[in-house]
Structure formats: structure tokens, C-alpha cells
Amino acid sequence: MPVERAQLYVSDRAVQVARSAVAHVRRVALLGPQGTWTHQVALELWPGLPMEWHFGAPEQLRTALQQGEVDAVLLPARTTVVGDTPYRAELDAMLTMARVHLLAQYARMLGYCLLGHAGAQVSNVLRVYAHPVALAEAAPWLDVHLPHAQRMPCESAGHAAEWVAQSADRNCAGLGPALAGSLHGLLAIATGIEQGPHNITQWWVVGRDAM
């Protein structure tokens, strides 16, 4: 699975500090489906390590942590575009659990590919599925290259890629990291298309300290 590192916002030193703080973690709960930006960040925080990923909805992640099924939860806490994310309340609730702490913070600037089926061309795309923040970031590019395409909000880059991959409609595409395309059998038919308000997202790793 590719690990994109071209648009990290934090310094290499800060990345190493975050990795050191979560080095004991091997079971992580994160937003599903596969191919979300949270999944991408997980691969950057634990590069090449034998990990056990648990994908699910936010409330399922909290239950997994509470019941000891995972060592930590990884969720986006804040973005420069929208402020606190909808997951902030879940993170705060987890931090009230016994022995659960904020283990690390990780900030990253996001970038996007236009992901479509094999043989798809930008000029043929009629619908673009993406998280609302992604649609805002890519709006200037979409205005120029796909001015008549419908912009379809969805929960995450992973959901966008999953929807496009499962659709019989060959004129649809999604916005997300290259990881989303590789996991869902899609190709990047355009890259580096974020030209709007650049979003820096801060993720929190919430879990239990090493024993």
C-alpha cells in the first residue's frame, strides 16, 4: 500500500516524536471503509509494522477501545477549514475512560486525486463523489475542468472510492488519496487537484500507555 508523504505539515522531528509515542500500539481502530485519509495517516504513523486494523463507525471504535479489543483509536480531531470535526465529541468521551490518554497528535495537509474506472477520462466525468472538505479544496480545479459535473458529498474518501468502484456508472469519479484508488481498484485520472482553501487536519491517537 502506498504511503504518501509529499504534503506532511509537521517536521520530520515531530513525526518521529509521534511515532515514538505510539510505538507500543499494534491494534488500532479507525474510520472505515479502507482508503480514508485516516487510513493513510495510520500507515504513516506505523510504517511497515505488523498492525491489526479495526475499521468501523465512531461509536464502534469507542466500544472496541472500552472493551480492550484495540490499544488505541485514531480519529481526526480538528481541521483548519471547519474547526473541530464531528468526531471530537467521541474523542473527548474516550479520554474519560480509565487509563486512556491522548498518546499523540499528527497534523497533515491533504491532497487529492480524481479516481475513476480504468479507461475513464476527465472530460467524461459527470459526477464527483467526495467529502465536503475535499470538494471545497478542489473547487477551483473542478470549476475549470469539470464545471458541469455534479458534486456529490459523502462521508469520506474511502466511501467515495467504494461508491465509485461498486457503481455501474462509468461517468462518475471520486476524490481521495492514491491509497483509496489502489484499495478499491480505481485509477488516478488526475492528480494534485487541490487548489482551494488548503486543509490541514490534526489527528489524535487516543489509547492506553505501554504497560
N, C-alpha and C. Protein backbone atom coordinates (compact mmCIF):
# COMPACT_ATOMS: atom_id res chain seq x y z
N MET A 1 0.84 -1.19 0.00
CA MET A 1 0.00 0.00 0.00
C MET A 1 0.88 1.24 0.00
N PRO A 2 0.60 2.21 -0.86
CA PRO A 2 1.45 3.39 -0.93
C PRO A 2 1.28 4.28 0.28
N VAL A 3 2.35 4.90 0.71
CA VAL A 3 2.31 5.86 1.80
C VAL A 3 2.72 7.20 1.24
N GLU A 4 1.77 8.13 1.16
CA GLU A 4 2.05 9.45 0.62
C GLU A 4 2.69 10.32 1.70
N ARG A 5 3.82 10.96 1.37
CA ARG A 5 4.47 11.81 2.36
C ARG A 5 4.79 13.20 1.80
N ALA A 6 4.28 13.49 0.61
CA ALA A 6 4.65 14.73 -0.04
C ALA A 6 4.09 15.97 0.66
N GLN A 7 3.01 15.83 1.41
CA GLN A 7 2.36 17.01 1.95
C GLN A 7 2.24 16.95 3.48
N LEU A 8 3.23 16.40 4.15
CA LEU A 8 3.22 16.45 5.61
C LEU A 8 3.39 17.89 6.06
N TYR A 9 2.65 18.26 7.07
CA TYR A 9 2.73 19.62 7.59
C TYR A 9 3.73 19.72 8.73
N VAL A 10 3.82 18.67 9.53
CA VAL A 10 4.73 18.68 10.67
C VAL A 10 6.15 18.36 10.21
N SER A 11 7.11 18.73 11.05
CA SER A 11 8.50 18.45 10.74
C SER A 11 8.81 16.97 10.90
N ASP A 12 9.93 16.54 10.32
CA ASP A 12 10.34 15.15 10.48
C ASP A 12 10.53 14.82 11.96
N ARG A 13 11.03 15.79 12.73
CA ARG A 13 11.23 15.57 14.17
C ARG A 13 9.90 15.31 14.86
N ALA A 14 8.87 16.08 14.51
CA ALA A 14 7.56 15.89 15.11
C ALA A 14 6.96 14.55 14.72
N VAL A 15 7.21 14.12 13.48
CA VAL A 15 6.73 12.81 13.03
C VAL A 15 7.38 11.72 13.88
N GLN A 16 8.67 11.83 14.11
CA GLN A 16 9.37 10.83 14.91
C GLN A 16 8.87 10.80 16.35
N VAL A 17 8.57 11.98 16.89
CA VAL A 17 8.03 12.05 18.26
C VAL A 17 6.69 11.33 18.33
N ALA A 18 5.83 11.58 17.33
CA ALA A 18 4.51 10.93 17.31
C ALA A 18 4.66 9.42 17.18
N ARG A 19 5.54 8.98 16.31
CA ARG A 19 5.74 7.54 16.14
C ARG A 19 6.28 6.90 17.41
N SER A 20 7.17 7.58 18.08
CA SER A 20 7.72 7.04 19.33
C SER A 20 6.64 6.90 20.39
N ALA A 21 5.73 7.86 20.44
CA ALA A 21 4.67 7.84 21.46
C ALA A 21 3.68 6.71 21.25
N VAL A 22 3.58 6.21 20.03
CA VAL A 22 2.61 5.14 19.75
C VAL A 22 3.30 3.85 19.33
N ALA A 23 4.58 3.74 19.62
CA ALA A 23 5.35 2.57 19.19
C ALA A 23 4.83 1.28 19.80
N HIS A 24 4.20 1.38 20.99
CA HIS A 24 3.71 0.17 21.66
C HIS A 24 2.37 -0.30 21.10
N VAL A 25 1.74 0.50 20.31
CA VAL A 25 0.39 0.20 19.80
C VAL A 25 0.48 -0.74 18.59
N ARG A 26 -0.30 -1.80 18.62
CA ARG A 26 -0.33 -2.73 17.49
C ARG A 26 -1.75 -3.00 16.99
N ARG A 27 -2.76 -2.65 17.79
CA ARG A 27 -4.15 -2.84 17.38
C ARG A 27 -4.82 -1.46 17.39
N VAL A 28 -5.25 -1.01 16.22
CA VAL A 28 -5.77 0.35 16.09
C VAL A 28 -7.16 0.33 15.46
N ALA A 29 -8.06 1.09 16.05
CA ALA A 29 -9.40 1.26 15.48
C ALA A 29 -9.44 2.59 14.74
N LEU A 30 -9.98 2.57 13.52
CA LEU A 30 -10.05 3.77 12.72
C LEU A 30 -11.28 3.75 11.83
N LEU A 31 -11.61 4.90 11.29
CA LEU A 31 -12.80 5.03 10.48
C LEU A 31 -12.74 4.12 9.26
N GLY A 32 -13.85 3.48 8.98
CA GLY A 32 -13.95 2.70 7.76
C GLY A 32 -14.75 3.45 6.71
N PRO A 33 -14.73 2.98 5.48
CA PRO A 33 -14.03 1.80 4.99
C PRO A 33 -12.55 2.09 4.75
N GLN A 34 -11.85 1.12 4.21
CA GLN A 34 -10.45 1.33 3.88
C GLN A 34 -10.29 2.42 2.82
N GLY A 35 -9.15 3.11 2.90
CA GLY A 35 -8.87 4.14 1.90
C GLY A 35 -9.21 5.55 2.33
N THR A 36 -9.62 5.74 3.59
CA THR A 36 -9.85 7.09 4.09
C THR A 36 -8.52 7.78 4.34
N TRP A 37 -8.56 9.08 4.57
CA TRP A 37 -7.34 9.78 4.94
C TRP A 37 -6.84 9.31 6.30
N THR A 38 -7.75 8.88 7.18
CA THR A 38 -7.33 8.34 8.46
C THR A 38 -6.53 7.06 8.26
N HIS A 39 -6.93 6.24 7.31
CA HIS A 39 -6.19 5.03 6.97
C HIS A 39 -4.80 5.40 6.46
N GLN A 40 -4.74 6.42 5.60
CA GLN A 40 -3.44 6.88 5.08
C GLN A 40 -2.52 7.33 6.22
N VAL A 41 -3.07 8.08 7.16
CA VAL A 41 -2.28 8.56 8.30
C VAL A 41 -1.81 7.39 9.16
N ALA A 42 -2.66 6.39 9.34
CA ALA A 42 -2.26 5.22 10.11
C ALA A 42 -1.03 4.55 9.51
N LEU A 43 -0.99 4.46 8.18
CA LEU A 43 0.16 3.84 7.51
C LEU A 43 1.41 4.69 7.68
N GLU A 44 1.25 6.00 7.86
CA GLU A 44 2.39 6.87 8.06
C GLU A 44 2.90 6.82 9.50
N LEU A 45 1.98 6.65 10.44
CA LEU A 45 2.38 6.58 11.85
C LEU A 45 3.01 5.24 12.22
N TRP A 46 2.57 4.18 11.56
CA TRP A 46 3.12 2.84 11.84
C TRP A 46 3.63 2.23 10.53
N PRO A 47 4.64 2.82 9.90
CA PRO A 47 5.07 2.37 8.58
C PRO A 47 5.69 0.98 8.59
N GLY A 48 5.11 0.09 7.80
CA GLY A 48 5.68 -1.24 7.61
C GLY A 48 5.60 -2.16 8.81
N LEU A 49 4.84 -1.79 9.83
CA LEU A 49 4.76 -2.61 11.04
C LEU A 49 3.60 -3.62 10.94
N PRO A 50 3.72 -4.75 11.64
CA PRO A 50 2.63 -5.74 11.64
C PRO A 50 1.48 -5.26 12.51
N MET A 51 0.51 -4.61 11.90
CA MET A 51 -0.59 -3.99 12.63
C MET A 51 -1.90 -4.76 12.43
N GLU A 52 -2.79 -4.55 13.38
CA GLU A 52 -4.15 -5.10 13.30
C GLU A 52 -5.10 -3.92 13.23
N TRP A 53 -5.69 -3.68 12.05
CA TRP A 53 -6.58 -2.55 11.87
C TRP A 53 -8.03 -2.98 12.11
N HIS A 54 -8.77 -2.15 12.81
CA HIS A 54 -10.20 -2.37 13.03
C HIS A 54 -10.94 -1.18 12.43
N PHE A 55 -11.66 -1.39 11.33
CA PHE A 55 -12.39 -0.32 10.67
C PHE A 55 -13.83 -0.30 11.14
N GLY A 56 -14.36 0.89 11.39
CA GLY A 56 -15.74 0.96 11.82
C GLY A 56 -16.23 2.38 11.97
N ALA A 57 -17.47 2.51 12.44
CA ALA A 57 -18.07 3.82 12.72
C ALA A 57 -17.53 4.33 14.05
N PRO A 58 -17.60 5.65 14.31
CA PRO A 58 -17.02 6.21 15.52
C PRO A 58 -17.47 5.54 16.81
N GLU A 59 -18.78 5.26 16.92
CA GLU A 59 -19.26 4.63 18.16
C GLU A 59 -18.72 3.20 18.32
N GLN A 60 -18.47 2.53 17.20
CA GLN A 60 -17.88 1.19 17.27
C GLN A 60 -16.42 1.25 17.72
N LEU A 61 -15.72 2.32 17.32
CA LEU A 61 -14.32 2.47 17.74
C LEU A 61 -14.23 2.68 19.24
N ARG A 62 -15.13 3.48 19.78
CA ARG A 62 -15.12 3.72 21.23
C ARG A 62 -15.40 2.42 21.99
N THR A 63 -16.35 1.63 21.50
CA THR A 63 -16.66 0.36 22.16
C THR A 63 -15.46 -0.59 22.12
N ALA A 64 -14.78 -0.63 20.98
CA ALA A 64 -13.61 -1.50 20.84
C ALA A 64 -12.52 -1.12 21.84
N LEU A 65 -12.32 0.18 22.02
CA LEU A 65 -11.32 0.63 22.99
C LEU A 65 -11.76 0.32 24.41
N GLN A 66 -13.00 0.55 24.70
CA GLN A 66 -13.53 0.32 26.04
C GLN A 66 -13.44 -1.15 26.44
N GLN A 67 -13.67 -2.03 25.48
CA GLN A 67 -13.67 -3.47 25.76
C GLN A 67 -12.29 -4.10 25.59
N GLY A 68 -11.29 -3.30 25.32
CA GLY A 68 -9.93 -3.82 25.22
C GLY A 68 -9.63 -4.58 23.94
N GLU A 69 -10.47 -4.39 22.92
CA GLU A 69 -10.24 -5.08 21.65
C GLU A 69 -9.12 -4.42 20.85
N VAL A 70 -8.84 -3.15 21.14
CA VAL A 70 -7.77 -2.41 20.47
C VAL A 70 -6.96 -1.66 21.52
N ASP A 71 -5.75 -1.27 21.13
CA ASP A 71 -4.87 -0.50 22.02
C ASP A 71 -5.13 0.99 21.91
N ALA A 72 -5.63 1.44 20.76
CA ALA A 72 -5.82 2.87 20.53
C ALA A 72 -6.81 3.12 19.41
N VAL A 73 -7.29 4.35 19.37
CA VAL A 73 -8.20 4.80 18.32
C VAL A 73 -7.55 6.00 17.63
N LEU A 74 -7.65 6.05 16.31
CA LEU A 74 -7.12 7.15 15.52
C LEU A 74 -8.29 7.85 14.83
N LEU A 75 -8.47 9.15 15.13
CA LEU A 75 -9.55 9.91 14.53
C LEU A 75 -9.09 11.35 14.27
N PRO A 76 -9.64 11.99 13.23
CA PRO A 76 -9.34 13.40 13.01
C PRO A 76 -10.06 14.25 14.06
N ALA A 77 -9.32 15.16 14.70
CA ALA A 77 -9.89 15.97 15.77
C ALA A 77 -10.24 17.38 15.32
N ARG A 78 -9.44 17.93 14.41
CA ARG A 78 -9.62 19.33 14.03
C ARG A 78 -9.07 19.57 12.62
N THR A 79 -9.71 20.49 11.89
CA THR A 79 -9.19 20.89 10.58
C THR A 79 -9.16 22.41 10.51
N THR A 80 -8.30 22.93 9.66
CA THR A 80 -8.22 24.37 9.52
C THR A 80 -9.39 24.93 8.71
N VAL A 81 -10.12 24.08 8.01
CA VAL A 81 -11.26 24.53 7.21
C VAL A 81 -12.53 24.60 8.03
N VAL A 82 -12.80 23.59 8.86
CA VAL A 82 -14.07 23.54 9.59
C VAL A 82 -13.92 23.60 11.10
N GLY A 83 -12.70 23.64 11.64
CA GLY A 83 -12.51 23.62 13.09
C GLY A 83 -12.64 22.22 13.63
N ASP A 84 -13.26 22.06 14.81
CA ASP A 84 -13.43 20.73 15.39
C ASP A 84 -14.24 19.85 14.46
N THR A 85 -13.82 18.60 14.33
CA THR A 85 -14.53 17.65 13.47
C THR A 85 -15.73 17.06 14.22
N PRO A 86 -16.63 16.38 13.52
CA PRO A 86 -17.75 15.72 14.20
C PRO A 86 -17.29 14.60 15.15
N TYR A 87 -16.02 14.20 15.04
CA TYR A 87 -15.52 13.10 15.87
C TYR A 87 -14.91 13.60 17.19
N ARG A 88 -14.83 14.91 17.36
CA ARG A 88 -14.20 15.45 18.56
C ARG A 88 -14.94 15.00 19.83
N ALA A 89 -16.26 14.96 19.78
CA ALA A 89 -17.04 14.53 20.95
C ALA A 89 -16.72 13.09 21.32
N GLU A 90 -16.56 12.23 20.32
CA GLU A 90 -16.20 10.83 20.57
C GLU A 90 -14.83 10.75 21.23
N LEU A 91 -13.88 11.54 20.72
CA LEU A 91 -12.54 11.54 21.30
C LEU A 91 -12.57 12.00 22.75
N ASP A 92 -13.32 13.06 23.03
CA ASP A 92 -13.42 13.56 24.40
C ASP A 92 -14.04 12.51 25.32
N ALA A 93 -15.03 11.79 24.80
CA ALA A 93 -15.66 10.73 25.60
C ALA A 93 -14.67 9.61 25.91
N MET A 94 -13.84 9.26 24.95
CA MET A 94 -12.83 8.21 25.17
C MET A 94 -11.82 8.63 26.22
N LEU A 95 -11.50 9.92 26.27
CA LEU A 95 -10.50 10.41 27.22
C LEU A 95 -11.00 10.39 28.66
N THR A 96 -12.28 10.10 28.87
CA THR A 96 -12.81 9.95 30.24
C THR A 96 -12.68 8.51 30.73
N MET A 97 -12.27 7.58 29.85
CA MET A 97 -12.12 6.18 30.24
C MET A 97 -10.87 6.01 31.11
N ALA A 98 -10.92 5.00 31.96
CA ALA A 98 -9.79 4.71 32.84
C ALA A 98 -8.55 4.36 32.03
N ARG A 99 -7.43 4.97 32.35
CA ARG A 99 -6.12 4.70 31.77
C ARG A 99 -6.00 5.08 30.30
N VAL A 100 -6.97 5.81 29.77
CA VAL A 100 -6.92 6.22 28.37
C VAL A 100 -6.42 7.67 28.30
N HIS A 101 -5.45 7.90 27.43
CA HIS A 101 -4.82 9.22 27.31
C HIS A 101 -4.69 9.62 25.84
N LEU A 102 -4.39 10.89 25.64
CA LEU A 102 -4.01 11.37 24.31
C LEU A 102 -2.55 11.01 24.12
N LEU A 103 -2.30 10.00 23.28
CA LEU A 103 -0.94 9.48 23.11
C LEU A 103 -0.12 10.33 22.14
N ALA A 104 -0.76 10.82 21.08
CA ALA A 104 -0.01 11.57 20.07
C ALA A 104 -0.97 12.41 19.24
N GLN A 105 -0.41 13.47 18.64
CA GLN A 105 -1.12 14.29 17.67
C GLN A 105 -0.30 14.31 16.37
N TYR A 106 -1.01 14.37 15.26
CA TYR A 106 -0.34 14.29 13.97
C TYR A 106 -1.09 15.19 13.00
N ALA A 107 -0.41 16.16 12.42
CA ALA A 107 -1.06 17.11 11.51
C ALA A 107 -0.57 16.88 10.09
N ARG A 108 -1.49 17.02 9.15
CA ARG A 108 -1.13 16.74 7.76
C ARG A 108 -1.96 17.60 6.82
N MET A 109 -1.32 18.13 5.78
CA MET A 109 -2.04 18.80 4.70
C MET A 109 -2.52 17.73 3.72
N LEU A 110 -3.74 17.85 3.25
CA LEU A 110 -4.30 16.84 2.38
C LEU A 110 -4.15 17.22 0.91
N GLY A 111 -4.05 16.21 0.08
CA GLY A 111 -4.00 16.39 -1.37
C GLY A 111 -4.93 15.35 -2.00
N TYR A 112 -5.33 15.58 -3.23
CA TYR A 112 -6.35 14.72 -3.82
C TYR A 112 -6.03 14.29 -5.24
N CYS A 113 -6.49 13.07 -5.54
CA CYS A 113 -6.52 12.55 -6.90
C CYS A 113 -7.98 12.43 -7.32
N LEU A 114 -8.21 12.52 -8.62
CA LEU A 114 -9.52 12.20 -9.17
C LEU A 114 -9.46 10.74 -9.56
N LEU A 115 -10.27 9.91 -8.90
CA LEU A 115 -10.19 8.47 -9.03
C LEU A 115 -11.37 7.93 -9.85
N GLY A 116 -11.03 7.19 -10.91
CA GLY A 116 -12.08 6.65 -11.77
C GLY A 116 -11.77 5.24 -12.22
N HIS A 117 -12.68 4.67 -13.00
CA HIS A 117 -12.51 3.33 -13.54
C HIS A 117 -11.43 3.33 -14.63
N ALA A 118 -10.88 2.16 -14.88
CA ALA A 118 -9.89 2.03 -15.96
C ALA A 118 -10.49 2.52 -17.27
N GLY A 119 -9.75 3.33 -17.98
CA GLY A 119 -10.21 3.86 -19.25
C GLY A 119 -10.99 5.15 -19.15
N ALA A 120 -11.31 5.57 -17.92
CA ALA A 120 -12.07 6.82 -17.74
C ALA A 120 -11.22 8.02 -18.11
N GLN A 121 -11.87 9.05 -18.60
CA GLN A 121 -11.21 10.30 -18.94
C GLN A 121 -11.88 11.44 -18.19
N VAL A 122 -11.10 12.43 -17.82
CA VAL A 122 -11.63 13.57 -17.07
C VAL A 122 -12.83 14.18 -17.78
N SER A 123 -12.73 14.34 -19.08
CA SER A 123 -13.79 15.02 -19.84
C SER A 123 -15.13 14.28 -19.81
N ASN A 124 -15.11 12.99 -19.44
CA ASN A 124 -16.34 12.20 -19.43
C ASN A 124 -17.00 12.13 -18.06
N VAL A 125 -16.37 12.68 -17.04
CA VAL A 125 -16.90 12.59 -15.68
C VAL A 125 -18.10 13.52 -15.51
N LEU A 126 -19.22 12.95 -15.05
CA LEU A 126 -20.45 13.71 -14.85
C LEU A 126 -20.80 13.89 -13.38
N ARG A 127 -20.23 13.05 -12.50
CA ARG A 127 -20.49 13.13 -11.06
C ARG A 127 -19.19 12.91 -10.31
N VAL A 128 -18.96 13.73 -9.29
CA VAL A 128 -17.76 13.61 -8.46
C VAL A 128 -18.18 13.42 -7.01
N TYR A 129 -17.78 12.28 -6.44
CA TYR A 129 -18.10 11.96 -5.05
C TYR A 129 -16.91 12.30 -4.16
N ALA A 130 -17.17 12.95 -3.03
CA ALA A 130 -16.07 13.32 -2.15
C ALA A 130 -16.62 13.85 -0.83
N HIS A 131 -15.74 13.87 0.16
CA HIS A 131 -16.06 14.55 1.42
C HIS A 131 -16.26 16.04 1.12
N PRO A 132 -17.16 16.72 1.84
CA PRO A 132 -17.39 18.15 1.57
C PRO A 132 -16.13 19.00 1.63
N VAL A 133 -15.21 18.69 2.55
CA VAL A 133 -13.97 19.46 2.63
C VAL A 133 -13.15 19.26 1.36
N ALA A 134 -13.12 18.03 0.84
CA ALA A 134 -12.39 17.76 -0.40
C ALA A 134 -13.01 18.52 -1.56
N LEU A 135 -14.33 18.57 -1.62
CA LEU A 135 -15.00 19.31 -2.68
C LEU A 135 -14.65 20.80 -2.61
N ALA A 136 -14.53 21.33 -1.40
CA ALA A 136 -14.17 22.74 -1.24
C ALA A 136 -12.73 22.98 -1.69
N GLU A 137 -11.84 22.08 -1.33
CA GLU A 137 -10.43 22.25 -1.70
C GLU A 137 -10.22 22.12 -3.21
N ALA A 138 -10.98 21.25 -3.83
CA ALA A 138 -10.80 21.02 -5.27
C ALA A 138 -11.71 21.89 -6.12
N ALA A 139 -12.51 22.75 -5.51
CA ALA A 139 -13.50 23.54 -6.24
C ALA A 139 -12.90 24.35 -7.40
N PRO A 140 -11.78 25.05 -7.20
CA PRO A 140 -11.24 25.82 -8.35
C PRO A 140 -10.88 24.93 -9.54
N TRP A 141 -10.31 23.75 -9.26
CA TRP A 141 -9.96 22.83 -10.34
C TRP A 141 -11.22 22.29 -11.00
N LEU A 142 -12.20 21.92 -10.18
CA LEU A 142 -13.45 21.40 -10.73
C LEU A 142 -14.17 22.46 -11.55
N ASP A 143 -14.11 23.72 -11.12
CA ASP A 143 -14.77 24.80 -11.85
C ASP A 143 -14.21 24.92 -13.27
N VAL A 144 -12.91 24.67 -13.42
CA VAL A 144 -12.26 24.80 -14.72
C VAL A 144 -12.42 23.55 -15.57
N HIS A 145 -12.15 22.39 -14.95
CA HIS A 145 -12.06 21.15 -15.73
C HIS A 145 -13.37 20.36 -15.78
N LEU A 146 -14.21 20.50 -14.76
CA LEU A 146 -15.48 19.77 -14.73
C LEU A 146 -16.61 20.70 -14.26
N PRO A 147 -16.82 21.80 -14.97
CA PRO A 147 -17.79 22.79 -14.49
C PRO A 147 -19.23 22.29 -14.44
N HIS A 148 -19.55 21.30 -15.25
CA HIS A 148 -20.93 20.82 -15.31
C HIS A 148 -21.15 19.52 -14.52
N ALA A 149 -20.10 18.99 -13.93
CA ALA A 149 -20.23 17.74 -13.17
C ALA A 149 -20.93 18.00 -11.83
N GLN A 150 -21.81 17.09 -11.45
CA GLN A 150 -22.46 17.17 -10.15
C GLN A 150 -21.45 16.84 -9.05
N ARG A 151 -21.50 17.57 -7.96
CA ARG A 151 -20.61 17.33 -6.83
C ARG A 151 -21.42 16.65 -5.72
N MET A 152 -21.06 15.43 -5.43
CA MET A 152 -21.85 14.57 -4.55
C MET A 152 -21.14 14.37 -3.21
N PRO A 153 -21.59 15.02 -2.14
CA PRO A 153 -20.92 14.87 -0.84
C PRO A 153 -21.11 13.46 -0.27
N CYS A 154 -20.08 12.95 0.37
CA CYS A 154 -20.17 11.68 1.06
C CYS A 154 -19.27 11.73 2.29
N GLU A 155 -19.26 10.65 3.08
CA GLU A 155 -18.66 10.69 4.41
C GLU A 155 -17.15 10.77 4.42
N SER A 156 -16.50 10.19 3.44
CA SER A 156 -15.04 10.13 3.46
C SER A 156 -14.51 9.77 2.09
N ALA A 157 -13.19 9.89 1.94
CA ALA A 157 -12.55 9.47 0.68
C ALA A 157 -12.73 7.99 0.45
N GLY A 158 -12.71 7.21 1.53
CA GLY A 158 -12.92 5.77 1.40
C GLY A 158 -14.31 5.44 0.88
N HIS A 159 -15.33 6.13 1.43
CA HIS A 159 -16.69 5.91 0.96
C HIS A 159 -16.84 6.34 -0.50
N ALA A 160 -16.19 7.45 -0.87
CA ALA A 160 -16.27 7.92 -2.25
C ALA A 160 -15.69 6.88 -3.21
N ALA A 161 -14.50 6.37 -2.87
CA ALA A 161 -13.87 5.37 -3.73
C ALA A 161 -14.69 4.09 -3.78
N GLU A 162 -15.23 3.68 -2.65
CA GLU A 162 -16.05 2.47 -2.59
C GLU A 162 -17.29 2.63 -3.47
N TRP A 163 -17.92 3.79 -3.38
CA TRP A 163 -19.14 4.04 -4.17
C TRP A 163 -18.83 3.98 -5.66
N VAL A 164 -17.76 4.66 -6.07
CA VAL A 164 -17.40 4.68 -7.49
C VAL A 164 -17.05 3.28 -7.98
N ALA A 165 -16.28 2.54 -7.17
CA ALA A 165 -15.84 1.20 -7.57
C ALA A 165 -17.02 0.25 -7.75
N GLN A 166 -18.06 0.40 -6.94
CA GLN A 166 -19.19 -0.51 -6.98
C GLN A 166 -20.27 -0.06 -7.97
N SER A 167 -20.12 1.15 -8.49
CA SER A 167 -21.14 1.70 -9.38
C SER A 167 -20.95 1.20 -10.81
N ALA A 168 -22.07 0.96 -11.47
CA ALA A 168 -22.03 0.60 -12.89
C ALA A 168 -21.89 1.85 -13.76
N ASP A 169 -22.00 3.00 -13.14
CA ASP A 169 -21.88 4.27 -13.85
C ASP A 169 -20.41 4.59 -14.10
N ARG A 170 -19.98 4.52 -15.33
CA ARG A 170 -18.58 4.75 -15.67
C ARG A 170 -18.26 6.24 -15.83
N ASN A 171 -19.25 7.08 -15.63
CA ASN A 171 -19.04 8.51 -15.76
C ASN A 171 -18.94 9.20 -14.40
N CYS A 172 -18.69 8.42 -13.35
CA CYS A 172 -18.53 9.01 -12.03
C CYS A 172 -17.08 8.83 -11.58
N ALA A 173 -16.65 9.66 -10.63
CA ALA A 173 -15.29 9.60 -10.10
C ALA A 173 -15.33 10.07 -8.65
N GLY A 174 -14.26 9.81 -7.92
CA GLY A 174 -14.18 10.23 -6.53
C GLY A 174 -12.90 11.00 -6.27
N LEU A 175 -12.88 11.74 -5.18
CA LEU A 175 -11.68 12.46 -4.75
C LEU A 175 -11.11 11.77 -3.52
N GLY A 176 -9.80 11.57 -3.53
CA GLY A 176 -9.17 10.94 -2.36
C GLY A 176 -7.69 10.74 -2.58
N PRO A 177 -7.02 10.15 -1.60
CA PRO A 177 -5.60 9.84 -1.76
C PRO A 177 -5.43 8.68 -2.73
N ALA A 178 -4.23 8.52 -3.26
CA ALA A 178 -3.96 7.41 -4.17
C ALA A 178 -4.26 6.08 -3.49
N LEU A 179 -4.08 6.02 -2.18
CA LEU A 179 -4.37 4.80 -1.41
C LEU A 179 -5.79 4.32 -1.66
N ALA A 180 -6.76 5.24 -1.65
CA ALA A 180 -8.16 4.86 -1.86
C ALA A 180 -8.35 4.19 -3.21
N GLY A 181 -7.69 4.72 -4.23
CA GLY A 181 -7.80 4.12 -5.55
C GLY A 181 -7.20 2.73 -5.60
N SER A 182 -6.01 2.57 -5.01
CA SER A 182 -5.33 1.27 -5.07
C SER A 182 -6.11 0.21 -4.31
N LEU A 183 -6.79 0.57 -3.25
CA LEU A 183 -7.55 -0.40 -2.46
C LEU A 183 -8.88 -0.77 -3.08
N HIS A 184 -9.42 0.12 -3.90
CA HIS A 184 -10.75 -0.13 -4.47
C HIS A 184 -10.71 -0.34 -5.97
N GLY A 185 -9.53 -0.55 -6.53
CA GLY A 185 -9.42 -0.90 -7.94
C GLY A 185 -9.68 0.25 -8.89
N LEU A 186 -9.37 1.48 -8.46
CA LEU A 186 -9.56 2.64 -9.30
C LEU A 186 -8.21 3.22 -9.72
N LEU A 187 -8.23 4.08 -10.73
CA LEU A 187 -7.02 4.71 -11.22
C LEU A 187 -7.11 6.23 -11.01
N ALA A 188 -5.97 6.85 -10.79
CA ALA A 188 -5.92 8.31 -10.68
C ALA A 188 -5.91 8.89 -12.10
N ILE A 189 -6.99 9.54 -12.48
CA ILE A 189 -7.07 10.12 -13.82
C ILE A 189 -6.68 11.60 -13.81
N ALA A 190 -6.48 12.15 -12.62
CA ALA A 190 -5.90 13.49 -12.45
C ALA A 190 -5.35 13.55 -11.03
N THR A 191 -4.26 14.25 -10.84
CA THR A 191 -3.62 14.33 -9.52
C THR A 191 -3.33 15.79 -9.16
N GLY A 192 -3.10 16.01 -7.85
CA GLY A 192 -2.74 17.34 -7.37
C GLY A 192 -3.78 18.39 -7.67
N ILE A 193 -5.04 18.06 -7.47
CA ILE A 193 -6.10 18.97 -7.91
C ILE A 193 -6.62 19.87 -6.81
N GLU A 194 -6.04 19.80 -5.61
CA GLU A 194 -6.47 20.69 -4.53
C GLU A 194 -5.92 22.10 -4.79
N GLN A 195 -6.81 23.04 -4.99
CA GLN A 195 -6.41 24.41 -5.29
C GLN A 195 -7.19 25.43 -4.48
N GLY A 196 -8.13 24.96 -3.70
CA GLY A 196 -8.94 25.87 -2.90
C GLY A 196 -8.28 26.11 -1.55
N PRO A 197 -9.08 26.36 -0.51
CA PRO A 197 -8.52 26.58 0.83
C PRO A 197 -7.84 25.30 1.32
N HIS A 198 -6.52 25.32 1.46
CA HIS A 198 -5.80 24.11 1.82
C HIS A 198 -6.11 23.71 3.25
N ASN A 199 -6.48 22.47 3.41
CA ASN A 199 -6.92 21.97 4.70
C ASN A 199 -5.80 21.20 5.40
N ILE A 200 -5.49 21.62 6.61
CA ILE A 200 -4.56 20.87 7.45
C ILE A 200 -5.39 20.20 8.54
N THR A 201 -5.33 18.90 8.59
CA THR A 201 -6.09 18.12 9.56
C THR A 201 -5.17 17.62 10.65
N GLN A 202 -5.65 17.69 11.88
CA GLN A 202 -4.90 17.16 13.02
C GLN A 202 -5.61 15.91 13.53
N TRP A 203 -4.88 14.81 13.54
CA TRP A 203 -5.40 13.55 14.07
C TRP A 203 -4.92 13.34 15.50
N TRP A 204 -5.76 12.69 16.29
CA TRP A 204 -5.38 12.30 17.65
C TRP A 204 -5.32 10.77 17.73
N VAL A 205 -4.31 10.29 18.41
CA VAL A 205 -4.25 8.87 18.78
C VAL A 205 -4.59 8.80 20.26
N VAL A 206 -5.71 8.18 20.57
CA VAL A 206 -6.20 8.07 21.94
C VAL A 206 -6.15 6.61 22.34
N GLY A 207 -5.50 6.32 23.45
CA GLY A 207 -5.41 4.92 23.87
C GLY A 207 -4.71 4.76 25.20
N ARG A 208 -4.26 3.54 25.44
CA ARG A 208 -3.62 3.22 26.72
C ARG A 208 -2.11 3.24 26.58
N ASP A 209 -1.44 3.69 27.62
CA ASP A 209 0.02 3.71 27.63
C ASP A 209 0.57 2.30 27.61
N ALA A 210 1.83 2.18 27.26
CA ALA A 210 2.50 0.88 27.31
C ALA A 210 2.52 0.38 28.75
N MET A 211 2.32 -0.91 28.94
CA MET A 211 2.34 -1.49 30.28
C MET A 211 3.77 -1.54 30.82
